Amino acid sequence: MKRILIFITMLLNVHYVHADIGVVKTNSGQISGSLSDDKSVHIFKGIPFAAPPIGDLRWKAPQPVKPWQGIKQTTAFAPSPMQAIPNEFGVYTREFLIKDEPLSEDCLYLNVWTAAKSAIEKRPVIVWIYGGGYVSGGTNVPIYDGEALAKKGVILVSIAYRVGIFGFFSHPELTRESPNHTSGNYGLMDQAAALTWVQNNIAAFGGDPKNVTIAGQSAGAFSVNYLVASPHTKGLFAKAIAESGASIISTSKNIVSLAQAEQRGFKTADLLQAKTLADLRELSADTLLKQNNFRPIIDGYFLPQSVADIFAANKENQVPLLSGWNEDDAFVDSFQNATDYIAGAKRQYGDKANEFLKFYPANTDAEAERSQIRVSRDITFGGASYRWANVQSAKKKSKVYVYRFARRVPASPPFARYGAFHTAEVGYVFNNLKFLNRPFEPVDQTLADVTSSYWVNFAKAGNPNQDSLPYWPEYEPTTSQIMLLNEKPAATTLPDKAALDFALKEMID
C-alpha cells in the first residue's frame, strides 16, 4: 500500500511539473492570459497590483486591490499613466513611445511574460521600470515586450507607476492627511507596491521571489537607485540594473525637500484656483496636466535623506549592480560653433576653463559639436552612473559590473547622426530589434543576443558572465574595467575616466 501511495504521489508531481500555466491564482483572484505565437511563453497583461488611484485616492499611497470573483482576462495592456499625448521627436519614433491611448489615472497594472511550465520552477525575475523623465512613459512600448527574455529563462515583469503631477505632487494638506506625514513620491511608492505584488504572487508564475532583479532605463534607472536607497524596499529585490542614470549625485543641498515641494504645491493649487484639497481632487486630469513638471523629492518617509547621504551612511540595500551608459547619451538639439563654445567654457569655468577644454576640446566646429554631446552625456547620465559604480565598488560589499554601449545604431538620415543615442541599448537588452524600423546588420542581432544574455545571466546569478560570452570583469575604481558593447564586445579600461572625474567634481561641488 505504501508503494502505491508513493507511486500516485510521483504521478501527481509529474503532472504538476508539466502542466501549463494557464489560469493563475493571485492574492486578489484568478487570471488567465494568452500564449506567444509559438506557444512557448505565457503572457499576462493588465494585472492590477493596486487599487485605481482615482477620486479620493488621487495623491495617496497605493492601496490594496479589491478581490474579484471568477477568472479575470488579462490579455491587453491597461491604460498608460496620465500624461501628454506622445509625439515623435528627434530619433524617437513610435517604437520608443507608448500608444496614444488609452491614458488614465487608473494605471496601476503590471504585465508578466513567463516560459515556466509549472509553479515550482523558481525562475529568476526581472522587473522593468520605464523611463520618461518622470512625466511620461508606460509599459506598452513595443521594445519593452518581454517574450524574448522569457525564452532565455527569466520571467519579465513590467510595471506602471504614476508620473508628473499625479505621481509626485506635494501639498501641506496632503502631508497632514497622510499617515506617513508626508506627500509626493507616490510614483516611487507605486513601484514598491508592484515589487510587493511580485513577492506575493510571482511564485505562481514559476518565478523565484528571492531572486528578483529591478531594472530600468533613464528615469527608470534613477528609480532603481531610489529603490536601492529607500528603507521601505528591504527584501523586495536581490539585484539592480540601471541603464543611463542614477540619483546618487543629488545631495540634501540640491534636491527638493518636502517643505519646498509643499510650497510649490501650494502655489500650483493657487494657479489652478483650487482653495482646498477637495477642490484639487475634483479638477479634471486634463486641467492638472497643465502643471505637470513634478519629480521625486526628499519626502522624509520613502526617501528620508538624499541618495548620496543614504549611501554615505551605509543605509542602502546592499545588492549587486549592473550599470552603464551609452556613447551618445545626450540631449542636444543645437550646437555652438567652436568660438562660441570656448567663450562659454571660459565664462562658466573661469580659471578651470583650460582643464575643461582639455577634456572637452573644440579645435574645430566638428570637435566642438562632439564635445557638447559628451558634456551633456557626462553631466546627465554618465557621471551619475559612474559615481554609483565607484561608491558601491569601493565598499567591497556587493559586486559591480559597468558597461558602455557604443554601437552606432544603423539608420538613414536624419537619424544616422544620433549614433549610440539615449535609449538605443534597450532594443538590444530585450533582444527586440524586430520591433525597430532600422536597417540593422547581422552584427546587430549578434550584439542583441550577447547583450540580452549578459542581462539574463546577471539576473540569474549576479554575474553577467557565461563561457560562451566575452569575459566581463568586475568593476573596481582602481582598474576601471568595463564591458564595451559594440560590434565586437570586449572588456576595456574606461576611456574617459579623467574627464568623468572632472565632470563629477564640478557637479558635486
Foldseek 3Di string as FASTA:
>chain_A
DVVVVVVVVVVVVVCQQQAALAWFQAPQGIEGEDADPVRQKGKFAFAALFFQCAQVNQFAATHGDHHDDDYHYGYDHDWAEDAPQDDDDFLRDQLAFAHRDDYDSRHWGKMKMASGRHLAQAWFEEEEEEDDLQRGDDCRRNLNDQHLLNVVTYMYMYTHFHGFCRAFAAACVSLVVYPQSWTGRSRLSSVLSVLVSCLRGVSSRNHHQQQYEYEYEHVSLQSQLLLQLFPSNPSSHAAYEYEFAHQQLDFQVPFAERVNSNVVNVVVCVVLVHPDPSSVSPDDSVSCNVRGNGDDGCTCHRRVTGSNVSLVVVNGHQHQYEYEYEPQAADDDDFDFLVVLLVVLCVVPPVCSVVLCVLQPHPGRVSRVSSVSVLRSLLRGHLNRVVVLASSQVVVPHWYAYEYEFAQFAADPPNSVSGRYRPNCSSLLSLNCVSDDGPDDPLSSVLSVLNVQQVSVCSRPVGSDDPVHAHGDTAYPVQQWHWYRYSHIYIDHDPSVVSSVVSSVVSND
